[in-house]
Every structure is written in structure tokens, then in C-alpha cells.
PDB file of N, CA and C in Angstrom:
ATOM      1  N   UNK A   1       0.816  -0.776  -0.052  1.00  0.00           N
ATOM      2  CA  UNK A   1       0.080  -0.096   0.078  1.00  0.00           C
ATOM      3  C   UNK A   1       1.138   1.272  -0.073  1.00  0.00           C
ATOM      4  N   UNK A   2       0.369   2.270  -0.364  1.00  0.00           N
ATOM      5  CA  UNK A   2       1.167   3.378  -0.932  1.00  0.00           C
ATOM      6  C   UNK A   2       0.308   4.237  -0.387  1.00  0.00           C
ATOM      7  N   UNK A   3       1.414   5.551   0.220  1.00  0.00           N
ATOM      8  CA  UNK A   3       0.353   6.454   1.276  1.00  0.00           C
ATOM      9  C   UNK A   3       1.162   7.663   0.234  1.00  0.00           C
ATOM     10  N   UNK A   4       0.771   8.564   0.027  1.00  0.00           N
ATOM     11  CA  UNK A   4       0.713   9.987  -0.354  1.00  0.00           C
ATOM     12  C   UNK A   4      -0.044  11.315  -0.980  1.00  0.00           C
ATOM     13  N   UNK A   5       0.799  12.810  -0.767  1.00  0.00           N
ATOM     14  CA  UNK A   5      -0.464  13.356  -1.126  1.00  0.00           C
ATOM     15  C   UNK A   5      -0.381  14.432  -2.327  1.00  0.00           C
ATOM     16  N   UNK A   6      -0.494  15.292  -2.751  1.00  0.00           N
ATOM     17  CA  UNK A   6      -0.514  15.641  -3.485  1.00  0.00           C
ATOM     18  C   UNK A   6      -0.381  17.504  -3.828  1.00  0.00           C
ATOM     19  N   UNK A   7       0.034  18.282  -3.832  1.00  0.00           N
ATOM     20  CA  UNK A   7       0.168  19.602  -4.064  1.00  0.00           C
ATOM     21  C   UNK A   7       0.526  20.010  -5.553  1.00  0.00           C
ATOM     22  N   UNK A   8      -0.401  21.509  -6.171  1.00  0.00           N
ATOM     23  CA  UNK A   8       0.295  21.816  -7.213  1.00  0.00           C
ATOM     24  C   UNK A   8       1.504  22.788  -7.775  1.00  0.00           C
ATOM     25  N   UNK A   9       1.645  23.177  -6.703  1.00  0.00           N
ATOM     26  CA  UNK A   9       2.874  24.140  -5.748  1.00  0.00           C
ATOM     27  C   UNK A   9       3.820  24.288  -5.075  1.00  0.00           C
ATOM     28  N   UNK A  10       3.510  22.940  -4.631  1.00  0.00           N
ATOM     29  CA  UNK A  10       5.289  22.272  -3.652  1.00  0.00           C
ATOM     30  C   UNK A  10       5.315  21.107  -3.310  1.00  0.00           C
ATOM     31  N   UNK A  11       6.308  20.976  -3.036  1.00  0.00           N
ATOM     32  CA  UNK A  11       6.994  19.092  -2.414  1.00  0.00           C
ATOM     33  C   UNK A  11       6.234  18.651  -1.566  1.00  0.00           C
ATOM     34  N   UNK A  12       5.255  17.596  -2.279  1.00  0.00           N
ATOM     35  CA  UNK A  12       4.629  17.352  -0.651  1.00  0.00           C
ATOM     36  C   UNK A  12       5.434  15.854  -0.163  1.00  0.00           C
ATOM     37  N   UNK A  13       4.924  14.783   0.760  1.00  0.00           N
ATOM     38  CA  UNK A  13       5.400  13.588   1.183  1.00  0.00           C
ATOM     39  C   UNK A  13       6.258  13.472  -0.077  1.00  0.00           C
ATOM     40  N   UNK A  14       6.234  13.063  -0.550  1.00  0.00           N
ATOM     41  CA  UNK A  14       6.401  11.528  -1.948  1.00  0.00           C
ATOM     42  C   UNK A  14       6.382  13.123  -3.097  1.00  0.00           C
ATOM     43  N   UNK A  15       7.745  13.278  -3.533  1.00  0.00           N
ATOM     44  CA  UNK A  15       7.958  14.249  -4.738  1.00  0.00           C
ATOM     45  C   UNK A  15       8.590  13.347  -5.470  1.00  0.00           C
ATOM     46  N   UNK A  16       8.500  13.579  -7.355  1.00  0.00           N
ATOM     47  CA  UNK A  16       9.382  12.792  -8.113  1.00  0.00           C
ATOM     48  C   UNK A  16      10.223  13.903  -8.674  1.00  0.00           C
ATOM     49  N   UNK A  17      11.816  13.892  -8.253  1.00  0.00           N
ATOM     50  CA  UNK A  17      12.817  14.893  -8.624  1.00  0.00           C
ATOM     51  C   UNK A  17      13.563  14.843 -10.456  1.00  0.00           C
ATOM     52  N   UNK A  18      13.508  15.657 -10.255  1.00  0.00           N
ATOM     53  CA  UNK A  18      13.953  15.572 -12.329  1.00  0.00           C
ATOM     54  C   UNK A  18      15.255  15.855 -12.173  1.00  0.00           C
ATOM     55  N   UNK A  19      15.996  15.303 -12.844  1.00  0.00           N
ATOM     56  CA  UNK A  19      17.382  15.789 -13.420  1.00  0.00           C
ATOM     57  C   UNK A  19      18.212  16.569 -13.677  1.00  0.00           C
ATOM     58  N   UNK A  20      19.357  16.705 -12.543  1.00  0.00           N
ATOM     59  CA  UNK A  20      19.479  18.427 -12.789  1.00  0.00           C
ATOM     60  C   UNK A  20      19.747  18.731 -14.157  1.00  0.00           C
ATOM     61  N   UNK A  21      19.911  19.601 -14.611  1.00  0.00           N
ATOM     62  CA  UNK A  21      20.503  20.508 -16.208  1.00  0.00           C
ATOM     63  C   UNK A  21      22.320  20.728 -15.498  1.00  0.00           C
ATOM     64  N   UNK A  22      22.841  21.095 -16.816  1.00  0.00           N
ATOM     65  CA  UNK A  22      24.031  21.225 -15.755  1.00  0.00           C
ATOM     66  C   UNK A  22      24.169  22.813 -15.694  1.00  0.00           C
ATOM     67  N   UNK A  23      23.074  24.009 -15.817  1.00  0.00           N
ATOM     68  CA  UNK A  23      23.061  25.300 -16.215  1.00  0.00           C
ATOM     69  C   UNK A  23      23.101  25.171 -14.829  1.00  0.00           C
ATOM     70  N   UNK A  24      21.796  24.412 -13.737  1.00  0.00           N
ATOM     71  CA  UNK A  24      21.196  24.170 -12.975  1.00  0.00           C
ATOM     72  C   UNK A  24      22.556  23.705 -11.676  1.00  0.00           C
ATOM     73  N   UNK A  25      23.616  22.896 -11.815  1.00  0.00           N
ATOM     74  CA  UNK A  25      24.806  22.526 -12.037  1.00  0.00           C
ATOM     75  C   UNK A  25      25.680  23.205 -11.364  1.00  0.00           C
ATOM     76  N   UNK A  26      25.945  24.465 -12.808  1.00  0.00           N
ATOM     77  CA  UNK A  26      26.721  25.232 -11.863  1.00  0.00           C
ATOM     78  C   UNK A  26      26.112  26.655 -11.044  1.00  0.00           C
ATOM     79  N   UNK A  27      24.284  26.249 -11.014  1.00  0.00           N
ATOM     80  CA  UNK A  27      24.670  27.647 -10.330  1.00  0.00           C
ATOM     81  C   UNK A  27      24.523  26.820  -9.459  1.00  0.00           C
ATOM     82  N   UNK A  28      24.585  26.228  -8.912  1.00  0.00           N
ATOM     83  CA  UNK A  28      24.677  25.206  -7.017  1.00  0.00           C
ATOM     84  C   UNK A  28      26.037  25.340  -7.200  1.00  0.00           C
ATOM     85  N   UNK A  29      26.671  25.235  -7.890  1.00  0.00           N
ATOM     86  CA  UNK A  29      28.321  25.641  -7.502  1.00  0.00           C
ATOM     87  C   UNK A  29      28.409  26.865  -7.432  1.00  0.00           C
ATOM     88  N   UNK A  30      28.506  27.724  -7.679  1.00  0.00           N
ATOM     89  CA  UNK A  30      29.027  28.864  -7.247  1.00  0.00           C
ATOM     90  C   UNK A  30      27.812  29.547  -5.952  1.00  0.00           C
ATOM     91  N   UNK A  31      26.932  28.576  -6.228  1.00  0.00           N
ATOM     92  CA  UNK A  31      25.944  28.924  -4.377  1.00  0.00           C
ATOM     93  C   UNK A  31      26.861  28.054  -3.751  1.00  0.00           C
ATOM     94  N   UNK A  32      27.598  27.318  -3.471  1.00  0.00           N
ATOM     95  CA  UNK A  32      28.255  26.898  -2.726  1.00  0.00           C
ATOM     96  C   UNK A  32      29.481  26.926  -2.726  1.00  0.00           C
ATOM     97  N   UNK A  33      30.088  27.615  -3.475  1.00  0.00           N
ATOM     98  CA  UNK A  33      31.541  29.130  -3.430  1.00  0.00           C
ATOM     99  C   UNK A  33      31.446  29.765  -2.296  1.00  0.00           C
ATOM    100  N   UNK A  34      29.846  30.386  -2.810  1.00  0.00           N
ATOM    101  CA  UNK A  34      29.381  32.062  -2.710  1.00  0.00           C
ATOM    102  C   UNK A  34      29.545  31.638  -0.517  1.00  0.00           C
ATOM    103  N   UNK A  35      28.792  30.263  -0.432  1.00  0.00           N
ATOM    104  CA  UNK A  35      28.149  29.922   0.766  1.00  0.00           C
ATOM    105  C   UNK A  35      29.847  29.591   1.854  1.00  0.00           C
ATOM    106  N   UNK A  36      30.644  29.194   1.424  1.00  0.00           N
ATOM    107  CA  UNK A  36      32.002  28.563   1.953  1.00  0.00           C
ATOM    108  C   UNK A  36      32.599  30.068   1.696  1.00  0.00           C
ATOM    109  N   UNK A  37      32.854  31.096   1.314  1.00  0.00           N
ATOM    110  CA  UNK A  37      33.597  32.151   1.297  1.00  0.00           C
ATOM    111  C   UNK A  37      33.015  32.995   3.004  1.00  0.00           C
ATOM    112  N   UNK A  38      31.555  32.805   3.102  1.00  0.00           N
ATOM    113  CA  UNK A  38      30.515  33.474   3.649  1.00  0.00           C
ATOM    114  C   UNK A  38      31.337  32.818   4.947  1.00  0.00           C
ATOM    115  N   UNK A  39      31.030  31.427   4.949  1.00  0.00           N
ATOM    116  CA  UNK A  39      31.647  30.687   6.480  1.00  0.00           C
ATOM    117  C   UNK A  39      32.895  29.969   6.987  1.00  0.00           C
ATOM    118  N   UNK A  40      33.895  30.254   6.097  1.00  0.00           N
ATOM    119  CA  UNK A  40      35.197  30.125   6.137  1.00  0.00           C
ATOM    120  C   UNK A  40      35.720  30.753   7.467  1.00  0.00           C
ATOM    121  N   UNK A  41      35.655  32.650   6.796  1.00  0.00           N
ATOM    122  CA  UNK A  41      36.872  33.241   7.891  1.00  0.00           C
ATOM    123  C   UNK A  41      35.299  32.973   9.205  1.00  0.00           C
ATOM    124  N   UNK A  42      33.895  32.594   9.682  1.00  0.00           N
ATOM    125  CA  UNK A  42      33.682  32.308  10.636  1.00  0.00           C
ATOM    126  C   UNK A  42      34.351  31.172  11.495  1.00  0.00           C
ATOM    127  N   UNK A  43      34.293  30.234  10.981  1.00  0.00           N
ATOM    128  CA  UNK A  43      34.359  28.278  11.024  1.00  0.00           C
ATOM    129  C   UNK A  43      35.841  28.546  11.389  1.00  0.00           C
ATOM    130  N   UNK A  44      37.046  29.574  10.483  1.00  0.00           N
ATOM    131  CA  UNK A  44      38.074  29.643  11.412  1.00  0.00           C
ATOM    132  C   UNK A  44      38.367  30.202  12.622  1.00  0.00           C
ATOM    133  N   UNK A  45      37.259  31.117  13.224  1.00  0.00           N
ATOM    134  CA  UNK A  45      37.375  32.086  14.184  1.00  0.00           C
ATOM    135  C   UNK A  45      37.181  30.994  15.648  1.00  0.00           C
ATOM    136  N   UNK A  46      36.053  30.163  14.981  1.00  0.00           N
ATOM    137  CA  UNK A  46      35.650  29.728  16.101  1.00  0.00           C
ATOM    138  C   UNK A  46      37.284  28.512  16.588  1.00  0.00           C
ATOM    139  N   UNK A  47      37.072  27.878  14.880  1.00  0.00           N
ATOM    140  CA  UNK A  47      38.867  26.572  15.290  1.00  0.00           C
ATOM    141  C   UNK A  47      39.998  27.587  16.331  1.00  0.00           C
ATOM    142  N   UNK A  48      40.337  28.604  15.823  1.00  0.00           N
ATOM    143  CA  UNK A  48      41.500  29.184  16.466  1.00  0.00           C
ATOM    144  C   UNK A  48      40.565  29.082  18.134  1.00  0.00           C
ATOM    145  N   UNK A  49      39.732  29.913  18.367  1.00  0.00           N
ATOM    146  CA  UNK A  49      39.421  29.625  19.709  1.00  0.00           C
ATOM    147  C   UNK A  49      39.421  28.543  20.409  1.00  0.00           C
ATOM    148  N   UNK A  50      38.851  27.381  19.783  1.00  0.00           N
ATOM    149  CA  UNK A  50      38.647  25.711  20.701  1.00  0.00           C
ATOM    150  C   UNK A  50      39.885  24.857  20.405  1.00  0.00           C
ATOM    151  N   UNK A  51      40.664  25.178  19.529  1.00  0.00           N
ATOM    152  CA  UNK A  51      42.398  25.116  19.715  1.00  0.00           C
ATOM    153  C   UNK A  51      42.518  25.696  20.164  1.00  0.00           C
ATOM    154  N   UNK A  52      42.795  26.359  20.311  1.00  0.00           N
ATOM    155  CA  UNK A  52      44.000  27.776  21.488  1.00  0.00           C
ATOM    156  C   UNK A  52      43.196  27.462  23.122  1.00  0.00           C
ATOM    157  N   UNK A  53      42.111  27.300  23.328  1.00  0.00           N
ATOM    158  CA  UNK A  53      41.580  26.385  24.640  1.00  0.00           C
ATOM    159  C   UNK A  53      42.424  25.150  24.375  1.00  0.00           C
ATOM    160  N   UNK A  54      42.311  24.040  23.812  1.00  0.00           N
ATOM    161  CA  UNK A  54      42.389  22.787  24.124  1.00  0.00           C
ATOM    162  C   UNK A  54      43.702  22.637  24.564  1.00  0.00           C
ATOM    163  N   UNK A  55      44.619  23.344  23.790  1.00  0.00           N
ATOM    164  CA  UNK A  55      46.264  23.956  24.130  1.00  0.00           C
ATOM    165  C   UNK A  55      46.953  24.641  25.183  1.00  0.00           C
ATOM    166  N   UNK A  56      46.141  25.358  25.778  1.00  0.00           N
ATOM    167  CA  UNK A  56      46.374  26.044  26.549  1.00  0.00           C
ATOM    168  C   UNK A  56      47.082  25.659  28.042  1.00  0.00           C
ATOM    169  N   UNK A  57      47.645  25.302  28.601  1.00  0.00           N
ATOM    170  CA  UNK A  57      48.480  25.140  29.655  1.00  0.00           C
ATOM    171  C   UNK A  57      49.471  25.937  29.794  1.00  0.00           C
ATOM    172  N   UNK A  58      50.035  25.671  31.426  1.00  0.00           N
ATOM    173  CA  UNK A  58      51.351  25.512  31.453  1.00  0.00           C
ATOM    174  C   UNK A  58      52.337  25.136  30.685  1.00  0.00           C
ATOM    175  N   UNK A  59      52.236  24.204  30.346  1.00  0.00           N
ATOM    176  CA  UNK A  59      54.115  23.776  30.138  1.00  0.00           C
ATOM    177  C   UNK A  59      53.530  23.629  28.175  1.00  0.00           C
ATOM    178  N   UNK A  60      54.285  23.223  27.686  1.00  0.00           N
ATOM    179  CA  UNK A  60      53.979  23.404  26.532  1.00  0.00           C
ATOM    180  C   UNK A  60      53.602  21.306  25.729  1.00  0.00           C
ATOM    181  N   UNK A  61      52.722  21.321  25.374  1.00  0.00           N
ATOM    182  CA  UNK A  61      52.236  19.839  24.700  1.00  0.00           C
ATOM    183  C   UNK A  61      53.289  19.171  23.363  1.00  0.00           C
ATOM    184  N   UNK A  62      53.551  18.564  23.914  1.00  0.00           N
ATOM    185  CA  UNK A  62      53.854  17.965  22.455  1.00  0.00           C
ATOM    186  C   UNK A  62      53.346  17.420  20.800  1.00  0.00           C
ATOM    187  N   UNK A  63      54.478  17.566  19.586  1.00  0.00           N
ATOM    188  CA  UNK A  63      53.489  17.538  18.665  1.00  0.00           C
ATOM    189  C   UNK A  63      53.608  18.823  18.177  1.00  0.00           C
ATOM    190  N   UNK A  64      53.222  18.292  16.158  1.00  0.00           N
ATOM    191  CA  UNK A  64      52.996  19.537  16.128  1.00  0.00           C
ATOM    192  C   UNK A  64      51.845  20.540  16.478  1.00  0.00           C
ATOM    193  N   UNK A  65      52.160  21.963  16.479  1.00  0.00           N
ATOM    194  CA  UNK A  65      51.679  22.838  16.638  1.00  0.00           C
ATOM    195  C   UNK A  65      50.022  22.764  15.369  1.00  0.00           C
ATOM    196  N   UNK A  66      49.098  22.618  15.285  1.00  0.00           N
ATOM    197  CA  UNK A  66      48.147  22.221  14.560  1.00  0.00           C
ATOM    198  C   UNK A  66      47.535  23.923  13.782  1.00  0.00           C
ATOM    199  N   UNK A  67      47.555  23.299  12.123  1.00  0.00           N
ATOM    200  CA  UNK A  67      47.451  24.143  11.349  1.00  0.00           C
ATOM    201  C   UNK A  67      46.091  24.120  10.926  1.00  0.00           C
ATOM    202  N   UNK A  68      45.208  25.739  10.626  1.00  0.00           N
ATOM    203  CA  UNK A  68      43.726  25.429   9.519  1.00  0.00           C
ATOM    204  C   UNK A  68      44.560  24.642   8.455  1.00  0.00           C
ATOM    205  N   UNK A  69      43.014  24.763   8.061  1.00  0.00           N
ATOM    206  CA  UNK A  69      42.764  23.716   6.624  1.00  0.00           C
ATOM    207  C   UNK A  69      41.214  23.878   6.784  1.00  0.00           C
ATOM    208  N   UNK A  70      41.166  23.844   6.031  1.00  0.00           N
ATOM    209  CA  UNK A  70      39.383  24.529   5.125  1.00  0.00           C
ATOM    210  C   UNK A  70      38.643  23.185   4.374  1.00  0.00           C
ATOM    211  N   UNK A  71      38.453  22.263   5.371  1.00  0.00           N
ATOM    212  CA  UNK A  71      37.963  20.492   4.947  1.00  0.00           C
ATOM    213  C   UNK A  71      36.655  20.449   5.107  1.00  0.00           C
ATOM    214  N   UNK A  72      35.945  19.235   5.015  1.00  0.00           N
ATOM    215  CA  UNK A  72      34.835  18.892   5.193  1.00  0.00           C
ATOM    216  C   UNK A  72      34.531  19.007   6.951  1.00  0.00           C
ATOM    217  N   UNK A  73      34.938  18.169   7.321  1.00  0.00           N
ATOM    218  CA  UNK A  73      35.077  17.694   9.155  1.00  0.00           C
ATOM    219  C   UNK A  73      34.867  18.984   9.971  1.00  0.00           C
ATOM    220  N   UNK A  74      35.534  20.164   9.614  1.00  0.00           N
ATOM    221  CA  UNK A  74      35.805  21.267  10.142  1.00  0.00           C
ATOM    222  C   UNK A  74      34.157  22.374   9.684  1.00  0.00           C
ATOM    223  N   UNK A  75      33.615  22.179   8.724  1.00  0.00           N
ATOM    224  CA  UNK A  75      32.819  22.435   8.182  1.00  0.00           C
ATOM    225  C   UNK A  75      32.585  23.059   6.655  1.00  0.00           C
ATOM    226  N   UNK A  76      33.398  23.043   5.762  1.00  0.00           N
ATOM    227  CA  UNK A  76      33.437  23.172   4.533  1.00  0.00           C
ATOM    228  C   UNK A  76      31.817  22.651   3.543  1.00  0.00           C
ATOM    229  N   UNK A  77      31.291  23.246   2.818  1.00  0.00           N
ATOM    230  CA  UNK A  77      30.263  22.256   2.261  1.00  0.00           C
ATOM    231  C   UNK A  77      30.331  22.448   0.706  1.00  0.00           C
ATOM    232  N   UNK A  78      30.710  20.697   0.392  1.00  0.00           N
ATOM    233  CA  UNK A  78      30.323  20.694  -1.137  1.00  0.00           C
ATOM    234  C   UNK A  78      29.855  20.020  -1.411  1.00  0.00           C
ATOM    235  N   UNK A  79      29.462  18.616  -2.427  1.00  0.00           N
ATOM    236  CA  UNK A  79      28.502  18.167  -3.336  1.00  0.00           C
ATOM    237  C   UNK A  79      29.394  16.897  -3.200  1.00  0.00           C
ATOM    238  N   UNK A  80      29.218  15.523  -3.071  1.00  0.00           N
ATOM    239  CA  UNK A  80      30.102  14.271  -3.419  1.00  0.00           C
ATOM    240  C   UNK A  80      28.834  13.313  -4.365  1.00  0.00           C
ATOM    241  N   UNK A  81      29.762  12.108  -4.348  1.00  0.00           N
ATOM    242  CA  UNK A  81      29.224  11.245  -4.799  1.00  0.00           C
ATOM    243  C   UNK A  81      27.953  11.547  -6.483  1.00  0.00           C
ATOM    244  N   UNK A  82      27.530  10.701  -7.294  1.00  0.00           N
ATOM    245  CA  UNK A  82      27.138  10.596  -8.390  1.00  0.00           C
ATOM    246  C   UNK A  82      25.979  10.546  -8.346  1.00  0.00           C
ATOM    247  N   UNK A  83      25.809  11.442  -8.305  1.00  0.00           N
ATOM    248  CA  UNK A  83      23.921  11.251  -8.990  1.00  0.00           C
ATOM    249  C   UNK A  83      23.367  11.618  -7.654  1.00  0.00           C
ATOM    250  N   UNK A  84      21.768  11.236  -7.804  1.00  0.00           N
ATOM    251  CA  UNK A  84      20.874  10.841  -6.658  1.00  0.00           C
ATOM    252  C   UNK A  84      20.790  12.634  -5.843  1.00  0.00           C
ATOM    253  N   UNK A  85      19.649  12.189  -4.777  1.00  0.00           N
ATOM    254  CA  UNK A  85      19.516  13.193  -4.244  1.00  0.00           C
ATOM    255  C   UNK A  85      19.969  13.569  -2.648  1.00  0.00           C
ATOM    256  N   UNK A  86      21.153  14.685  -2.800  1.00  0.00           N
ATOM    257  CA  UNK A  86      21.484  14.822  -1.801  1.00  0.00           C
ATOM    258  C   UNK A  86      21.528  16.135  -1.164  1.00  0.00           C
ATOM    259  N   UNK A  87      22.183  16.823   0.093  1.00  0.00           N
ATOM    260  CA  UNK A  87      21.551  17.727   1.059  1.00  0.00           C
ATOM    261  C   UNK A  87      21.578  18.797   0.067  1.00  0.00           C
ATOM    262  N   UNK A  88      21.875  18.911  -0.834  1.00  0.00           N
ATOM    263  CA  UNK A  88      21.893  20.173  -1.327  1.00  0.00           C
ATOM    264  C   UNK A  88      20.067  20.554  -1.688  1.00  0.00           C
ATOM    265  N   UNK A  89      20.212  19.551  -2.810  1.00  0.00           N
ATOM    266  CA  UNK A  89      18.609  19.173  -3.587  1.00  0.00           C
ATOM    267  C   UNK A  89      17.285  19.024  -3.016  1.00  0.00           C
ATOM    268  N   UNK A  90      18.045  18.444  -1.428  1.00  0.00           N
ATOM    269  CA  UNK A  90      16.460  17.555  -0.620  1.00  0.00           C
ATOM    270  C   UNK A  90      16.243  19.255   0.009  1.00  0.00           C
TER     271      UNK A  90
END
């Protein structure tokens, strides 16, 4: 049995996604790039604060001093995978 609802101008509980065009994909890349440019300084400040407090002590901690890298684990946004519905489209 399948239950669903529909509406002409809204995505309901069940929605059939249309394939993305090349123009839409390029627009999404630009949007994600813009979002990352806005997020990076904020996330860097947060990382520096968190990392500075973790390394704060009276003695020097062994090992290398951490360096800032803008990657997924810290909060960088990017699309991955081959097709399908990902976090951006949903």
C-alpha cells in the first residue's frame, strides 16, 4: 500500500525529482562557493578559539602545532557522490 498526497505548487510527502541540468549544476556550484566564502572566516575564528583553549596549559604540549585547513570535517560545504538526491537538492 502506498500513501501520499499531492499539491500543484509544493513538494509534498512524495515527490519525483527531475534530473538536474548543466546550468542548474553550475548555479549550485557558484552558490556553494559563495556560502563557503562566507562560512570560512567564521569557522576559522571558532576553530582558533577551540584549539587555543585545548592547547592552553602551563607546559608546552608535544607534537606539531595544529594548522588551519578548510575541510569537510571542520564545516566546508560541497557536493559529493554520483547523482541522486543529496543534501543540497533535498
